[in-house]
Amino acid sequence: MQIKEMLKGAIEGTSDVAKDLMGTAADLIKEGTADIGEVFGAVVELGAEGIGDVTSGVKDVFVGSVKALEESGKTTEEAVEEVTSKAASAVTNISKEGMEDASSAAQKGIEEAKEIVKKPIE
């Protein structure tokens, strides 16, 4: 899976992992290379494999995805709603695959990210 390899490269790089992961996620979404749900699924799989932290990874991908949608013309509220829906769907699929720990960590990342992206609104 090419998306997973790109995200793995961002995680394993030597620079700021959060910034790299947000940027990679935003680029994939802006380019139309990947669906938001695919990106979330890939980052959770990587975390489950021990490559990065699931909660942090999901949080970074969430923020990057919202940023990409905002840059494409959506309001912050619209972007948060769309990303939340796609992320929740990806987490549900992960739960079905028997990765409950990763699913729980991913849900925590989603909640933390929603607080981050909503702060400028309030």
PDB file of N, CA and C in Angstrom:
ATOM      1  N   MET A   1       0.845  -1.172   0.000  1.00  0.00           N
ATOM      2  CA  MET A   1       0.000   0.000   0.000  1.00  0.00           C
ATOM      3  C   MET A   1       0.895   1.241   0.000  1.00  0.00           C
ATOM      4  N   GLN A   2       0.808   2.027  -1.036  1.00  0.00           N
ATOM      5  CA  GLN A   2       1.661   3.197  -1.198  1.00  0.00           C
ATOM      6  C   GLN A   2       1.394   4.253  -0.124  1.00  0.00           C
ATOM      7  N   ILE A   3       0.151   4.467   0.239  1.00  0.00           N
ATOM      8  CA  ILE A   3      -0.194   5.464   1.251  1.00  0.00           C
ATOM      9  C   ILE A   3       0.487   5.119   2.567  1.00  0.00           C
ATOM     10  N   LYS A   4       0.406   3.864   2.930  1.00  0.00           N
ATOM     11  CA  LYS A   4       1.005   3.409   4.181  1.00  0.00           C
ATOM     12  C   LYS A   4       2.515   3.641   4.167  1.00  0.00           C
ATOM     13  N   GLU A   5       3.166   3.378   3.049  1.00  0.00           N
ATOM     14  CA  GLU A   5       4.615   3.579   2.946  1.00  0.00           C
ATOM     15  C   GLU A   5       4.982   5.057   3.055  1.00  0.00           C
ATOM     16  N   MET A   6       4.168   5.932   2.451  1.00  0.00           N
ATOM     17  CA  MET A   6       4.435   7.372   2.535  1.00  0.00           C
ATOM     18  C   MET A   6       4.313   7.851   3.982  1.00  0.00           C
ATOM     19  N   LEU A   7       3.278   7.383   4.668  1.00  0.00           N
ATOM     20  CA  LEU A   7       3.094   7.771   6.064  1.00  0.00           C
ATOM     21  C   LEU A   7       4.200   7.193   6.937  1.00  0.00           C
ATOM     22  N   LYS A   8       4.613   5.969   6.641  1.00  0.00           N
ATOM     23  CA  LYS A   8       5.701   5.343   7.393  1.00  0.00           C
ATOM     24  C   LYS A   8       6.969   6.176   7.257  1.00  0.00           C
ATOM     25  N   GLY A   9       7.240   6.661   6.047  1.00  0.00           N
ATOM     26  CA  GLY A   9       8.407   7.511   5.816  1.00  0.00           C
ATOM     27  C   GLY A   9       8.344   8.789   6.628  1.00  0.00           C
ATOM     28  N   ALA A  10       7.151   9.364   6.726  1.00  0.00           N
ATOM     29  CA  ALA A  10       6.988  10.589   7.518  1.00  0.00           C
ATOM     30  C   ALA A  10       7.225  10.311   8.999  1.00  0.00           C
ATOM     31  N   ILE A  11       6.741   9.178   9.467  1.00  0.00           N
ATOM     32  CA  ILE A  11       6.895   8.825  10.882  1.00  0.00           C
ATOM     33  C   ILE A  11       8.345   8.513  11.220  1.00  0.00           C
ATOM     34  N   GLU A  12       9.020   7.799  10.326  1.00  0.00           N
ATOM     35  CA  GLU A  12      10.382   7.353  10.615  1.00  0.00           C
ATOM     36  C   GLU A  12      11.448   8.390  10.297  1.00  0.00           C
ATOM     37  N   GLY A  13      11.060   9.522   9.718  1.00  0.00           N
ATOM     38  CA  GLY A  13      12.025  10.566   9.389  1.00  0.00           C
ATOM     39  C   GLY A  13      12.668  11.147  10.632  1.00  0.00           C
ATOM     40  N   THR A  14      13.681  11.954  10.417  1.00  0.00           N
ATOM     41  CA  THR A  14      14.421  12.503  11.553  1.00  0.00           C
ATOM     42  C   THR A  14      13.893  13.855  12.015  1.00  0.00           C
ATOM     43  N   SER A  15      13.025  14.473  11.237  1.00  0.00           N
ATOM     44  CA  SER A  15      12.524  15.792  11.630  1.00  0.00           C
ATOM     45  C   SER A  15      11.275  15.655  12.502  1.00  0.00           C
ATOM     46  N   ASP A  16      10.529  16.723  12.637  1.00  0.00           N
ATOM     47  CA  ASP A  16       9.333  16.766  13.474  1.00  0.00           C
ATOM     48  C   ASP A  16       8.258  15.838  12.913  1.00  0.00           C
ATOM     49  N   VAL A  17       8.004  14.736  13.605  1.00  0.00           N
ATOM     50  CA  VAL A  17       7.069  13.722  13.127  1.00  0.00           C
ATOM     51  C   VAL A  17       5.669  14.292  12.955  1.00  0.00           C
ATOM     52  N   ALA A  18       5.186  15.043  13.927  1.00  0.00           N
ATOM     53  CA  ALA A  18       3.830  15.584  13.853  1.00  0.00           C
ATOM     54  C   ALA A  18       3.667  16.467  12.624  1.00  0.00           C
ATOM     55  N   LYS A  19       4.619  17.358  12.408  1.00  0.00           N
ATOM     56  CA  LYS A  19       4.555  18.265  11.263  1.00  0.00           C
ATOM     57  C   LYS A  19       4.619  17.481   9.955  1.00  0.00           C
ATOM     58  N   ASP A  20       5.519  16.502   9.886  1.00  0.00           N
ATOM     59  CA  ASP A  20       5.642  15.691   8.678  1.00  0.00           C
ATOM     60  C   ASP A  20       4.375  14.900   8.402  1.00  0.00           C
ATOM     61  N   LEU A  21       3.796  14.318   9.433  1.00  0.00           N
ATOM     62  CA  LEU A  21       2.597  13.512   9.264  1.00  0.00           C
ATOM     63  C   LEU A  21       1.415  14.376   8.845  1.00  0.00           C
ATOM     64  N   MET A  22       1.266  15.545   9.464  1.00  0.00           N
ATOM     65  CA  MET A  22       0.197  16.466   9.074  1.00  0.00           C
ATOM     66  C   MET A  22       0.363  16.888   7.621  1.00  0.00           C
ATOM     67  N   GLY A  23       1.592  17.227   7.251  1.00  0.00           N
ATOM     68  CA  GLY A  23       1.863  17.661   5.882  1.00  0.00           C
ATOM     69  C   GLY A  23       1.631  16.559   4.871  1.00  0.00           C
ATOM     70  N   THR A  24       2.082  15.354   5.182  1.00  0.00           N
ATOM     71  CA  THR A  24       1.891  14.228   4.270  1.00  0.00           C
ATOM     72  C   THR A  24       0.409  13.929   4.100  1.00  0.00           C
ATOM     73  N   ALA A  25      -0.332  13.908   5.198  1.00  0.00           N
ATOM     74  CA  ALA A  25      -1.775  13.657   5.131  1.00  0.00           C
ATOM     75  C   ALA A  25      -2.465  14.743   4.308  1.00  0.00           C
ATOM     76  N   ALA A  26      -2.130  15.994   4.570  1.00  0.00           N
ATOM     77  CA  ALA A  26      -2.741  17.101   3.832  1.00  0.00           C
ATOM     78  C   ALA A  26      -2.433  17.000   2.344  1.00  0.00           C
ATOM     79  N   ASP A  27      -1.188  16.686   2.007  1.00  0.00           N
ATOM     80  CA  ASP A  27      -0.803  16.561   0.600  1.00  0.00           C
ATOM     81  C   ASP A  27      -1.554  15.426  -0.091  1.00  0.00           C
ATOM     82  N   LEU A  28      -1.650  14.275   0.557  1.00  0.00           N
ATOM     83  CA  LEU A  28      -2.363  13.133  -0.027  1.00  0.00           C
ATOM     84  C   LEU A  28      -3.818  13.485  -0.308  1.00  0.00           C
ATOM     85  N   ILE A  29      -4.428  14.206   0.599  1.00  0.00           N
ATOM     86  CA  ILE A  29      -5.836  14.556   0.450  1.00  0.00           C
ATOM     87  C   ILE A  29      -6.019  15.644  -0.601  1.00  0.00           C
ATOM     88  N   LYS A  30      -5.161  16.673  -0.577  1.00  0.00           N
ATOM     89  CA  LYS A  30      -5.255  17.746  -1.573  1.00  0.00           C
ATOM     90  C   LYS A  30      -5.046  17.220  -2.982  1.00  0.00           C
ATOM     91  N   GLU A  31      -4.084  16.309  -3.139  1.00  0.00           N
ATOM     92  CA  GLU A  31      -3.782  15.746  -4.453  1.00  0.00           C
ATOM     93  C   GLU A  31      -4.852  14.770  -4.918  1.00  0.00           C
ATOM     94  N   GLY A  32      -5.683  14.320  -4.004  1.00  0.00           N
ATOM     95  CA  GLY A  32      -6.675  13.311  -4.355  1.00  0.00           C
ATOM     96  C   GLY A  32      -6.067  11.924  -4.447  1.00  0.00           C
ATOM     97  N   THR A  33      -4.850  11.780  -3.931  1.00  0.00           N
ATOM     98  CA  THR A  33      -4.141  10.506  -3.967  1.00  0.00           C
ATOM     99  C   THR A  33      -4.825   9.479  -3.088  1.00  0.00           C
ATOM    100  N   ALA A  34      -5.438   9.937  -2.004  1.00  0.00           N
ATOM    101  CA  ALA A  34      -6.044   9.012  -1.054  1.00  0.00           C
ATOM    102  C   ALA A  34      -7.308   9.598  -0.451  1.00  0.00           C
ATOM    103  N   ASP A  35      -8.204   8.716  -0.093  1.00  0.00           N
ATOM    104  CA  ASP A  35      -9.396   9.083   0.649  1.00  0.00           C
ATOM    105  C   ASP A  35      -8.993   9.296   2.109  1.00  0.00           C
ATOM    106  N   ILE A  36      -9.661  10.192   2.776  1.00  0.00           N
ATOM    107  CA  ILE A  36      -9.345  10.478   4.174  1.00  0.00           C
ATOM    108  C   ILE A  36      -9.404   9.205   5.021  1.00  0.00           C
ATOM    109  N   GLY A  37     -10.395   8.385   4.790  1.00  0.00           N
ATOM    110  CA  GLY A  37     -10.530   7.136   5.538  1.00  0.00           C
ATOM    111  C   GLY A  37      -9.343   6.208   5.341  1.00  0.00           C
ATOM    112  N   GLU A  38      -8.817   6.169   4.105  1.00  0.00           N
ATOM    113  CA  GLU A  38      -7.642   5.333   3.826  1.00  0.00           C
ATOM    114  C   GLU A  38      -6.432   5.807   4.623  1.00  0.00           C
ATOM    115  N   VAL A  39      -6.275   7.118   4.705  1.00  0.00           N
ATOM    116  CA  VAL A  39      -5.135   7.680   5.428  1.00  0.00           C
ATOM    117  C   VAL A  39      -5.230   7.318   6.912  1.00  0.00           C
ATOM    118  N   PHE A  40      -6.431   7.454   7.480  1.00  0.00           N
ATOM    119  CA  PHE A  40      -6.608   7.074   8.883  1.00  0.00           C
ATOM    120  C   PHE A  40      -6.337   5.590   9.088  1.00  0.00           C
ATOM    121  N   GLY A  41      -6.855   4.762   8.199  1.00  0.00           N
ATOM    122  CA  GLY A  41      -6.627   3.325   8.310  1.00  0.00           C
ATOM    123  C   GLY A  41      -5.155   2.981   8.272  1.00  0.00           C
ATOM    124  N   ALA A  42      -4.424   3.631   7.373  1.00  0.00           N
ATOM    125  CA  ALA A  42      -2.991   3.357   7.232  1.00  0.00           C
ATOM    126  C   ALA A  42      -2.211   3.777   8.472  1.00  0.00           C
ATOM    127  N   VAL A  43      -2.516   4.942   9.019  1.00  0.00           N
ATOM    128  CA  VAL A  43      -1.762   5.411  10.190  1.00  0.00           C
ATOM    129  C   VAL A  43      -2.062   4.545  11.417  1.00  0.00           C
ATOM    130  N   VAL A  44      -3.290   4.058  11.531  1.00  0.00           N
ATOM    131  CA  VAL A  44      -3.616   3.172  12.650  1.00  0.00           C
ATOM    132  C   VAL A  44      -2.909   1.830  12.488  1.00  0.00           C
ATOM    133  N   GLU A  45      -2.881   1.304  11.262  1.00  0.00           N
ATOM    134  CA  GLU A  45      -2.157   0.053  11.011  1.00  0.00           C
ATOM    135  C   GLU A  45      -0.685   0.197  11.375  1.00  0.00           C
ATOM    136  N   LEU A  46      -0.084   1.320  10.982  1.00  0.00           N
ATOM    137  CA  LEU A  46       1.327   1.549  11.313  1.00  0.00           C
ATOM    138  C   LEU A  46       1.531   1.587  12.823  1.00  0.00           C
ATOM    139  N   GLY A  47       0.643   2.258  13.521  1.00  0.00           N
ATOM    140  CA  GLY A  47       0.743   2.308  14.975  1.00  0.00           C
ATOM    141  C   GLY A  47       0.592   0.934  15.597  1.00  0.00           C
ATOM    142  N   ALA A  48      -0.337   0.148  15.069  1.00  0.00           N
ATOM    143  CA  ALA A  48      -0.547  -1.208  15.584  1.00  0.00           C
ATOM    144  C   ALA A  48       0.680  -2.089  15.340  1.00  0.00           C
ATOM    145  N   GLU A  49       1.443  -1.760  14.288  1.00  0.00           N
ATOM    146  CA  GLU A  49       2.667  -2.501  13.974  1.00  0.00           C
ATOM    147  C   GLU A  49       3.865  -1.977  14.767  1.00  0.00           C
ATOM    148  N   GLY A  50       3.635  -0.973  15.606  1.00  0.00           N
ATOM    149  CA  GLY A  50       4.715  -0.429  16.425  1.00  0.00           C
ATOM    150  C   GLY A  50       5.473   0.711  15.778  1.00  0.00           C
ATOM    151  N   ILE A  51       4.967   1.202  14.658  1.00  0.00           N
ATOM    152  CA  ILE A  51       5.623   2.313  13.956  1.00  0.00           C
ATOM    153  C   ILE A  51       4.837   3.581  14.273  1.00  0.00           C
ATOM    154  N   GLY A  52       5.216   4.235  15.339  1.00  0.00           N
ATOM    155  CA  GLY A  52       4.532   5.448  15.755  1.00  0.00           C
ATOM    156  C   GLY A  52       3.421   5.156  16.745  1.00  0.00           C
ATOM    157  N   ASP A  53       2.914   6.212  17.350  1.00  0.00           N
ATOM    158  CA  ASP A  53       1.852   6.134  18.342  1.00  0.00           C
ATOM    159  C   ASP A  53       0.508   6.366  17.661  1.00  0.00           C
ATOM    160  N   VAL A  54      -0.450   5.477  17.879  1.00  0.00           N
ATOM    161  CA  VAL A  54      -1.746   5.575  17.214  1.00  0.00           C
ATOM    162  C   VAL A  54      -2.452   6.881  17.559  1.00  0.00           C
ATOM    163  N   THR A  55      -2.523   7.218  18.841  1.00  0.00           N
ATOM    164  CA  THR A  55      -3.242   8.429  19.251  1.00  0.00           C
ATOM    165  C   THR A  55      -2.632   9.673  18.608  1.00  0.00           C
ATOM    166  N   SER A  56      -1.325   9.807  18.702  1.00  0.00           N
ATOM    167  CA  SER A  56      -0.651  10.974  18.113  1.00  0.00           C
ATOM    168  C   SER A  56      -0.789  10.981  16.599  1.00  0.00           C
ATOM    169  N   GLY A  57      -0.636   9.825  15.987  1.00  0.00           N
ATOM    170  CA  GLY A  57      -0.740   9.737  14.532  1.00  0.00           C
ATOM    171  C   GLY A  57      -2.111  10.131  14.028  1.00  0.00           C
ATOM    172  N   VAL A  58      -3.145   9.619  14.678  1.00  0.00           N
ATOM    173  CA  VAL A  58      -4.512   9.948  14.279  1.00  0.00           C
ATOM    174  C   VAL A  58      -4.773  11.435  14.486  1.00  0.00           C
ATOM    175  N   LYS A  59      -4.307  11.964  15.598  1.00  0.00           N
ATOM    176  CA  LYS A  59      -4.485  13.397  15.877  1.00  0.00           C
ATOM    177  C   LYS A  59      -3.822  14.232  14.777  1.00  0.00           C
ATOM    178  N   ASP A  60      -2.599  13.873  14.404  1.00  0.00           N
ATOM    179  CA  ASP A  60      -1.874  14.622  13.376  1.00  0.00           C
ATOM    180  C   ASP A  60      -2.549  14.512  12.015  1.00  0.00           C
ATOM    181  N   VAL A  61      -3.016  13.315  11.675  1.00  0.00           N
ATOM    182  CA  VAL A  61      -3.706  13.122  10.397  1.00  0.00           C
ATOM    183  C   VAL A  61      -5.023  13.898  10.392  1.00  0.00           C
ATOM    184  N   PHE A  62      -5.718  13.919  11.510  1.00  0.00           N
ATOM    185  CA  PHE A  62      -6.976  14.660  11.609  1.00  0.00           C
ATOM    186  C   PHE A  62      -6.731  16.141  11.335  1.00  0.00           C
ATOM    187  N   VAL A  63      -5.757  16.710  12.027  1.00  0.00           N
ATOM    188  CA  VAL A  63      -5.450  18.136  11.859  1.00  0.00           C
ATOM    189  C   VAL A  63      -5.020  18.423  10.415  1.00  0.00           C
ATOM    190  N   GLY A  64      -4.163  17.578   9.857  1.00  0.00           N
ATOM    191  CA  GLY A  64      -3.721  17.757   8.471  1.00  0.00           C
ATOM    192  C   GLY A  64      -4.866  17.650   7.483  1.00  0.00           C
ATOM    193  N   SER A  65      -5.787  16.735   7.733  1.00  0.00           N
ATOM    194  CA  SER A  65      -6.938  16.552   6.851  1.00  0.00           C
ATOM    195  C   SER A  65      -7.865  17.757   6.895  1.00  0.00           C
ATOM    196  N   VAL A  66      -8.099  18.271   8.093  1.00  0.00           N
ATOM    197  CA  VAL A  66      -8.937  19.468   8.228  1.00  0.00           C
ATOM    198  C   VAL A  66      -8.287  20.630   7.488  1.00  0.00           C
ATOM    199  N   LYS A  67      -6.988  20.782   7.654  1.00  0.00           N
ATOM    200  CA  LYS A  67      -6.268  21.867   6.980  1.00  0.00           C
ATOM    201  C   LYS A  67      -6.398  21.746   5.459  1.00  0.00           C
ATOM    202  N   ALA A  68      -6.258  20.531   4.945  1.00  0.00           N
ATOM    203  CA  ALA A  68      -6.370  20.317   3.499  1.00  0.00           C
ATOM    204  C   ALA A  68      -7.759  20.685   2.995  1.00  0.00           C
ATOM    205  N   LEU A  69      -8.783  20.307   3.724  1.00  0.00           N
ATOM    206  CA  LEU A  69     -10.149  20.633   3.306  1.00  0.00           C
ATOM    207  C   LEU A  69     -10.427  22.126   3.415  1.00  0.00           C
ATOM    208  N   GLU A  70      -9.866  22.768   4.431  1.00  0.00           N
ATOM    209  CA  GLU A  70     -10.012  24.225   4.545  1.00  0.00           C
ATOM    210  C   GLU A  70      -9.363  24.914   3.351  1.00  0.00           C
ATOM    211  N   GLU A  71      -8.194  24.423   2.956  1.00  0.00           N
ATOM    212  CA  GLU A  71      -7.494  25.017   1.815  1.00  0.00           C
ATOM    213  C   GLU A  71      -8.247  24.791   0.505  1.00  0.00           C
ATOM    214  N   SER A  72      -9.106  23.779   0.478  1.00  0.00           N
ATOM    215  CA  SER A  72      -9.891  23.522  -0.729  1.00  0.00           C
ATOM    216  C   SER A  72     -11.198  24.312  -0.731  1.00  0.00           C
ATOM    217  N   GLY A  73     -11.410  25.133   0.319  1.00  0.00           N
ATOM    218  CA  GLY A  73     -12.566  26.015   0.329  1.00  0.00           C
ATOM    219  C   GLY A  73     -13.637  25.698   1.354  1.00  0.00           C
ATOM    220  N   LYS A  74     -13.483  24.644   2.099  1.00  0.00           N
ATOM    221  CA  LYS A  74     -14.481  24.309   3.117  1.00  0.00           C
ATOM    222  C   LYS A  74     -14.248  25.168   4.364  1.00  0.00           C
ATOM    223  N   THR A  75     -15.330  25.420   5.097  1.00  0.00           N
ATOM    224  CA  THR A  75     -15.177  26.105   6.379  1.00  0.00           C
ATOM    225  C   THR A  75     -14.572  25.111   7.371  1.00  0.00           C
ATOM    226  N   THR A  76     -14.082  25.634   8.472  1.00  0.00           N
ATOM    227  CA  THR A  76     -13.521  24.752   9.500  1.00  0.00           C
ATOM    228  C   THR A  76     -14.580  23.771   9.982  1.00  0.00           C
ATOM    229  N   GLU A  77     -15.792  24.263  10.198  1.00  0.00           N
ATOM    230  CA  GLU A  77     -16.870  23.403  10.681  1.00  0.00           C
ATOM    231  C   GLU A  77     -17.164  22.281   9.694  1.00  0.00           C
ATOM    232  N   GLU A  78     -17.253  22.615   8.394  1.00  0.00           N
ATOM    233  CA  GLU A  78     -17.508  21.599   7.367  1.00  0.00           C
ATOM    234  C   GLU A  78     -16.377  20.583   7.315  1.00  0.00           C
ATOM    235  N   ALA A  79     -15.149  21.082   7.398  1.00  0.00           N
ATOM    236  CA  ALA A  79     -13.984  20.198   7.344  1.00  0.00           C
ATOM    237  C   ALA A  79     -13.957  19.255   8.540  1.00  0.00           C
ATOM    238  N   VAL A  80     -14.209  19.790   9.730  1.00  0.00           N
ATOM    239  CA  VAL A  80     -14.212  18.956  10.943  1.00  0.00           C
ATOM    240  C   VAL A  80     -15.294  17.884  10.838  1.00  0.00           C
ATOM    241  N   GLU A  81     -16.460  18.272  10.355  1.00  0.00           N
ATOM    242  CA  GLU A  81     -17.561  17.312  10.225  1.00  0.00           C
ATOM    243  C   GLU A  81     -17.200  16.187   9.255  1.00  0.00           C
ATOM    244  N   GLU A  82     -16.643  16.539   8.103  1.00  0.00           N
ATOM    245  CA  GLU A  82     -16.277  15.527   7.113  1.00  0.00           C
ATOM    246  C   GLU A  82     -15.169  14.612   7.619  1.00  0.00           C
ATOM    247  N   VAL A  83     -14.141  15.198   8.207  1.00  0.00           N
ATOM    248  CA  VAL A  83     -13.017  14.401   8.704  1.00  0.00           C
ATOM    249  C   VAL A  83     -13.467  13.510   9.860  1.00  0.00           C
ATOM    250  N   THR A  84     -14.301  14.032  10.740  1.00  0.00           N
ATOM    251  CA  THR A  84     -14.805  13.230  11.859  1.00  0.00           C
ATOM    252  C   THR A  84     -15.561  12.014  11.348  1.00  0.00           C
ATOM    253  N   SER A  85     -16.395  12.222  10.345  1.00  0.00           N
ATOM    254  CA  SER A  85     -17.174  11.124   9.774  1.00  0.00           C
ATOM    255  C   SER A  85     -16.272  10.052   9.167  1.00  0.00           C
ATOM    256  N   LYS A  86     -15.292  10.484   8.366  1.00  0.00           N
ATOM    257  CA  LYS A  86     -14.374   9.530   7.717  1.00  0.00           C
ATOM    258  C   LYS A  86     -13.504   8.815   8.748  1.00  0.00           C
ATOM    259  N   ALA A  87     -13.049   9.553   9.746  1.00  0.00           N
ATOM    260  CA  ALA A  87     -12.197   8.953  10.778  1.00  0.00           C
ATOM    261  C   ALA A  87     -12.989   7.933  11.593  1.00  0.00           C
ATOM    262  N   ALA A  88     -14.219   8.277  11.939  1.00  0.00           N
ATOM    263  CA  ALA A  88     -15.060   7.359  12.714  1.00  0.00           C
ATOM    264  C   ALA A  88     -15.317   6.077  11.933  1.00  0.00           C
ATOM    265  N   SER A  89     -15.534   6.215  10.645  1.00  0.00           N
ATOM    266  CA  SER A  89     -15.743   5.041   9.795  1.00  0.00           C
ATOM    267  C   SER A  89     -14.501   4.156   9.773  1.00  0.00           C
ATOM    268  N   ALA A  90     -13.338   4.777   9.659  1.00  0.00           N
ATOM    269  CA  ALA A  90     -12.081   4.020   9.655  1.00  0.00           C
ATOM    270  C   ALA A  90     -11.876   3.308  10.988  1.00  0.00           C
ATOM    271  N   VAL A  91     -12.200   3.982  12.088  1.00  0.00           N
ATOM    272  CA  VAL A  91     -12.050   3.380  13.415  1.00  0.00           C
ATOM    273  C   VAL A  91     -13.004   2.192  13.568  1.00  0.00           C
ATOM    274  N   THR A  92     -14.214   2.321  13.051  1.00  0.00           N
ATOM    275  CA  THR A  92     -15.174   1.219  13.101  1.00  0.00           C
ATOM    276  C   THR A  92     -14.634   0.007  12.354  1.00  0.00           C
ATOM    277  N   ASN A  93     -14.042   0.240  11.183  1.00  0.00           N
ATOM    278  CA  ASN A  93     -13.462  -0.858  10.407  1.00  0.00           C
ATOM    279  C   ASN A  93     -12.316  -1.518  11.156  1.00  0.00           C
ATOM    280  N   ILE A  94     -11.537  -0.731  11.849  1.00  0.00           N
ATOM    281  CA  ILE A  94     -10.401  -1.262  12.611  1.00  0.00           C
ATOM    282  C   ILE A  94     -10.911  -2.145  13.749  1.00  0.00           C
ATOM    283  N   SER A  95     -11.988  -1.713  14.394  1.00  0.00           N
ATOM    284  CA  SER A  95     -12.583  -2.509  15.474  1.00  0.00           C
ATOM    285  C   SER A  95     -13.048  -3.856  14.949  1.00  0.00           C
ATOM    286  N   LYS A  96     -13.619  -3.852  13.746  1.00  0.00           N
ATOM    287  CA  LYS A  96     -14.106  -5.092  13.138  1.00  0.00           C
ATOM    288  C   LYS A  96     -12.964  -6.049  12.819  1.00  0.00           C
ATOM    289  N   GLU A  97     -11.774  -5.490  12.603  1.00  0.00           N
ATOM    290  CA  GLU A  97     -10.610  -6.313  12.285  1.00  0.00           C
ATOM    291  C   GLU A  97      -9.956  -6.874  13.544  1.00  0.00           C
ATOM    292  N   GLY A  98     -10.520  -6.580  14.713  1.00  0.00           N
ATOM    293  CA  GLY A  98     -10.011  -7.138  15.956  1.00  0.00           C
ATOM    294  C   GLY A  98      -8.888  -6.354  16.604  1.00  0.00           C
ATOM    295  N   MET A  99      -8.678  -5.125  16.177  1.00  0.00           N
ATOM    296  CA  MET A  99      -7.614  -4.307  16.767  1.00  0.00           C
ATOM    297  C   MET A  99      -8.234  -3.296  17.727  1.00  0.00           C
ATOM    298  N   GLU A 100      -8.848  -3.799  18.801  1.00  0.00           N
ATOM    299  CA  GLU A 100      -9.570  -2.932  19.731  1.00  0.00           C
ATOM    300  C   GLU A 100      -8.675  -1.902  20.407  1.00  0.00           C
ATOM    301  N   ASP A 101      -7.457  -2.297  20.789  1.00  0.00           N
ATOM    302  CA  ASP A 101      -6.551  -1.346  21.440  1.00  0.00           C
ATOM    303  C   ASP A 101      -6.225  -0.183  20.509  1.00  0.00           C
ATOM    304  N   ALA A 102      -5.930  -0.502  19.251  1.00  0.00           N
ATOM    305  CA  ALA A 102      -5.627   0.535  18.264  1.00  0.00           C
ATOM    306  C   ALA A 102      -6.857   1.392  18.010  1.00  0.00           C
ATOM    307  N   SER A 103      -8.011   0.762  17.977  1.00  0.00           N
ATOM    308  CA  SER A 103      -9.257   1.488  17.758  1.00  0.00           C
ATOM    309  C   SER A 103      -9.518   2.478  18.888  1.00  0.00           C
ATOM    310  N   SER A 104      -9.297   2.053  20.113  1.00  0.00           N
ATOM    311  CA  SER A 104      -9.489   2.920  21.274  1.00  0.00           C
ATOM    312  C   SER A 104      -8.507   4.090  21.247  1.00  0.00           C
ATOM    313  N   ALA A 105      -7.267   3.805  20.910  1.00  0.00           N
ATOM    314  CA  ALA A 105      -6.249   4.859  20.817  1.00  0.00           C
ATOM    315  C   ALA A 105      -6.590   5.835  19.695  1.00  0.00           C
ATOM    316  N   ALA A 106      -7.109   5.304  18.585  1.00  0.00           N
ATOM    317  CA  ALA A 106      -7.490   6.157  17.458  1.00  0.00           C
ATOM    318  C   ALA A 106      -8.634   7.082  17.853  1.00  0.00           C
ATOM    319  N   GLN A 107      -9.615   6.549  18.569  1.00  0.00           N
ATOM    320  CA  GLN A 107     -10.742   7.368  19.017  1.00  0.00           C
ATOM    321  C   GLN A 107     -10.261   8.499  19.923  1.00  0.00           C
ATOM    322  N   LYS A 108      -9.305   8.193  20.789  1.00  0.00           N
ATOM    323  CA  LYS A 108      -8.733   9.218  21.668  1.00  0.00           C
ATOM    324  C   LYS A 108      -8.051  10.306  20.832  1.00  0.00           C
ATOM    325  N   GLY A 109      -7.334   9.909  19.794  1.00  0.00           N
ATOM    326  CA  GLY A 109      -6.678  10.870  18.908  1.00  0.00           C
ATOM    327  C   GLY A 109      -7.672  11.771  18.201  1.00  0.00           C
ATOM    328  N   ILE A 110      -8.798  11.196  17.782  1.00  0.00           N
ATOM    329  CA  ILE A 110      -9.846  11.984  17.121  1.00  0.00           C
ATOM    330  C   ILE A 110     -10.379  13.047  18.082  1.00  0.00           C
ATOM    331  N   GLU A 111     -10.672  12.646  19.304  1.00  0.00           N
ATOM    332  CA  GLU A 111     -11.209  13.593  20.290  1.00  0.00           C
ATOM    333  C   GLU A 111     -10.208  14.709  20.599  1.00  0.00           C
ATOM    334  N   GLU A 112      -8.928  14.354  20.746  1.00  0.00           N
ATOM    335  CA  GLU A 112      -7.899  15.367  21.012  1.00  0.00           C
ATOM    336  C   GLU A 112      -7.766  16.326  19.829  1.00  0.00           C
ATOM    337  N   ALA A 113      -7.819  15.796  18.623  1.00  0.00           N
ATOM    338  CA  ALA A 113      -7.676  16.629  17.426  1.00  0.00           C
ATOM    339  C   ALA A 113      -8.855  17.577  17.267  1.00  0.00           C
ATOM    340  N   LYS A 114     -10.056  17.109  17.572  1.00  0.00           N
ATOM    341  CA  LYS A 114     -11.228  17.975  17.463  1.00  0.00           C
ATOM    342  C   LYS A 114     -11.089  19.188  18.371  1.00  0.00           C
ATOM    343  N   GLU A 115     -10.509  19.006  19.537  1.00  0.00           N
ATOM    344  CA  GLU A 115     -10.284  20.134  20.441  1.00  0.00           C
ATOM    345  C   GLU A 115      -9.262  21.107  19.854  1.00  0.00           C
ATOM    346  N   ILE A 116      -8.240  20.581  19.213  1.00  0.00           N
ATOM    347  CA  ILE A 116      -7.199  21.432  18.619  1.00  0.00           C
ATOM    348  C   ILE A 116      -7.768  22.280  17.491  1.00  0.00           C
ATOM    349  N   VAL A 117      -8.510  21.665  16.571  1.00  0.00           N
ATOM    350  CA  VAL A 117      -8.988  22.414  15.408  1.00  0.00           C
ATOM    351  C   VAL A 117     -10.152  23.328  15.743  1.00  0.00           C
ATOM    352  N   LYS A 118     -10.848  23.091  16.839  1.00  0.00           N
ATOM    353  CA  LYS A 118     -11.971  23.949  17.221  1.00  0.00           C
ATOM    354  C   LYS A 118     -11.536  25.176  18.003  1.00  0.00           C
ATOM    355  N   LYS A 119     -10.369  25.157  18.621  1.00  0.00           N
ATOM    356  CA  LYS A 119      -9.918  26.284  19.445  1.00  0.00           C
ATOM    357  C   LYS A 119      -9.929  27.619  18.699  1.00  0.00           C
ATOM    358  N   PRO A 120      -9.449  27.680  17.444  1.00  0.00           N
ATOM    359  CA  PRO A 120      -9.480  28.972  16.754  1.00  0.00           C
ATOM    360  C   PRO A 120     -10.896  29.477  16.493  1.00  0.00           C
ATOM    361  N   ILE A 121     -11.868  28.572  16.462  1.00  0.00           N
ATOM    362  CA  ILE A 121     -13.250  28.950  16.177  1.00  0.00           C
ATOM    363  C   ILE A 121     -13.872  29.649  17.377  1.00  0.00           C
ATOM    364  N   GLU A 122     -13.586  29.160  18.555  1.00  0.00           N
ATOM    365  CA  GLU A 122     -14.241  29.657  19.769  1.00  0.00           C
ATOM    366  C   GLU A 122     -13.739  31.012  20.193  1.00  0.00           C
TER     367      GLU A 122
END
